[in-house]
Amino acid sequence: TQPTAMLAADIAAETDAIRGYEQMLCKLTNPTLSALISRIVLDEQLHLRCFKDMYCELMNNAENN
C-alpha cells in the first residue's frame, strides 16, 4: 500500500546483498565460484538501478501532484 516505502526497503536489501556478495568475493579462492558470484553482483546492481529509478519516478510524480 506504500510503494515508496516498499521500494526503499528493496533498495536497502539490494544494497546489503551486493555488499555481502562483494565480501564473499574477497574470501573466495575458487575461480569458477568467483565468476558466478561476480555475475550475481551484476544482476543485483541492475536490480538496484531499477528500484532507484522507480523510486525517483514515484517521488517526482508525488511532487508534481
C-alpha atoms as a PDB file:
ATOM      1  CA  THR A   1       0.000   0.000   0.000  1.00  0.00           C
ATOM      2  CA  GLN A   2       3.044   2.276   0.247  1.00  0.00           C
ATOM      3  CA  PRO A   3       5.084   1.840  -2.932  1.00  0.00           C
ATOM      4  CA  THR A   4       7.818   4.302  -1.970  1.00  0.00           C
ATOM      5  CA  ALA A   5       8.365   2.558   1.367  1.00  0.00           C
ATOM      6  CA  MET A   6       8.413  -0.817  -0.372  1.00  0.00           C
ATOM      7  CA  LEU A   7      10.954   0.412  -2.914  1.00  0.00           C
ATOM      8  CA  ALA A   8      13.092   1.960  -0.175  1.00  0.00           C
ATOM      9  CA  ALA A   9      13.162  -1.439   1.552  1.00  0.00           C
ATOM     10  CA  ASP A  10      14.054  -3.121  -1.753  1.00  0.00           C
ATOM     11  CA  ILE A  11      16.881  -0.629  -2.300  1.00  0.00           C
ATOM     12  CA  ALA A  12      18.261  -1.341   1.163  1.00  0.00           C
ATOM     13  CA  ALA A  13      18.000  -5.101   0.630  1.00  0.00           C
ATOM     14  CA  GLU A  14      19.760  -4.992  -2.743  1.00  0.00           C
ATOM     15  CA  THR A  15      22.498  -2.781  -1.308  1.00  0.00           C
ATOM     16  CA  ASP A  16      23.022  -5.243   1.543  1.00  0.00           C
ATOM     17  CA  ALA A  17      23.038  -8.188  -0.865  1.00  0.00           C
ATOM     18  CA  ILE A  18      25.661  -6.537  -3.059  1.00  0.00           C
ATOM     19  CA  ARG A  19      27.814  -5.785  -0.025  1.00  0.00           C
ATOM     20  CA  GLY A  20      27.520  -9.388   1.143  1.00  0.00           C
ATOM     21  CA  TYR A  21      28.444 -10.816  -2.244  1.00  0.00           C
ATOM     22  CA  GLU A  22      31.404  -8.451  -2.531  1.00  0.00           C
ATOM     23  CA  GLN A  23      32.655  -9.526   0.897  1.00  0.00           C
ATOM     24  CA  MET A  24      32.255 -13.136  -0.181  1.00  0.00           C
ATOM     25  CA  LEU A  25      34.294 -12.465  -3.330  1.00  0.00           C
ATOM     26  CA  CYS A  26      37.211 -11.221  -1.215  1.00  0.00           C
ATOM     27  CA  LYS A  27      37.359 -14.583   0.549  1.00  0.00           C
ATOM     28  CA  LEU A  28      36.809 -16.956  -2.364  1.00  0.00           C
ATOM     29  CA  THR A  29      39.688 -18.795  -3.995  1.00  0.00           C
ATOM     30  CA  ASN A  30      37.651 -20.874  -6.456  1.00  0.00           C
ATOM     31  CA  PRO A  31      37.676 -19.013  -9.809  1.00  0.00           C
ATOM     32  CA  THR A  32      34.502 -20.704 -11.065  1.00  0.00           C
ATOM     33  CA  LEU A  33      32.566 -19.760  -7.958  1.00  0.00           C
ATOM     34  CA  SER A  34      34.047 -16.254  -8.036  1.00  0.00           C
ATOM     35  CA  ALA A  35      32.872 -15.813 -11.625  1.00  0.00           C
ATOM     36  CA  LEU A  36      29.367 -16.939 -10.663  1.00  0.00           C
ATOM     37  CA  ILE A  37      29.194 -14.583  -7.685  1.00  0.00           C
ATOM     38  CA  SER A  38      30.544 -11.737  -9.828  1.00  0.00           C
ATOM     39  CA  ARG A  39      27.725 -12.336 -12.297  1.00  0.00           C
ATOM     40  CA  ILE A  40      25.196 -12.344  -9.474  1.00  0.00           C
ATOM     41  CA  VAL A  41      26.595  -8.990  -8.311  1.00  0.00           C
ATOM     42  CA  LEU A  42      25.957  -7.570 -11.787  1.00  0.00           C
ATOM     43  CA  ASP A  43      22.338  -8.765 -11.607  1.00  0.00           C
ATOM     44  CA  GLU A  44      21.908  -7.257  -8.157  1.00  0.00           C
ATOM     45  CA  GLN A  45      23.360  -3.946  -9.368  1.00  0.00           C
ATOM     46  CA  LEU A  46      20.847  -3.922 -12.212  1.00  0.00           C
ATOM     47  CA  HIS A  47      18.015  -4.590  -9.772  1.00  0.00           C
ATOM     48  CA  LEU A  48      19.283  -1.757  -7.583  1.00  0.00           C
ATOM     49  CA  ARG A  49      19.321   0.684 -10.513  1.00  0.00           C
ATOM     50  CA  CYS A  50      15.789  -0.336 -11.486  1.00  0.00           C
ATOM     51  CA  PHE A  51      14.486   0.102  -7.945  1.00  0.00           C
ATOM     52  CA  LYS A  52      16.184   3.503  -7.640  1.00  0.00           C
ATOM     53  CA  ASP A  53      14.727   4.630 -10.966  1.00  0.00           C
ATOM     54  CA  MET A  54      11.232   3.539  -9.914  1.00  0.00           C
ATOM     55  CA  TYR A  55      11.655   5.246  -6.555  1.00  0.00           C
ATOM     56  CA  CYS A  56      12.728   8.525  -8.187  1.00  0.00           C
ATOM     57  CA  GLU A  57       9.838   8.329 -10.631  1.00  0.00           C
ATOM     58  CA  LEU A  58       7.342   7.856  -7.819  1.00  0.00           C
ATOM     59  CA  MET A  59       8.842  10.706  -5.826  1.00  0.00           C
ATOM     60  CA  ASN A  60       8.791  13.021  -8.849  1.00  0.00           C
ATOM     61  CA  ASN A  61       5.172  12.130  -9.578  1.00  0.00           C
ATOM     62  CA  ALA A  62       4.239  12.801  -5.964  1.00  0.00           C
ATOM     63  CA  GLU A  63       5.887  16.243  -6.118  1.00  0.00           C
ATOM     64  CA  ASN A  64       4.063  17.133  -9.329  1.00  0.00           C
ATOM     65  CA  ASN A  65       0.616  16.219  -7.997  1.00  0.00           C
END
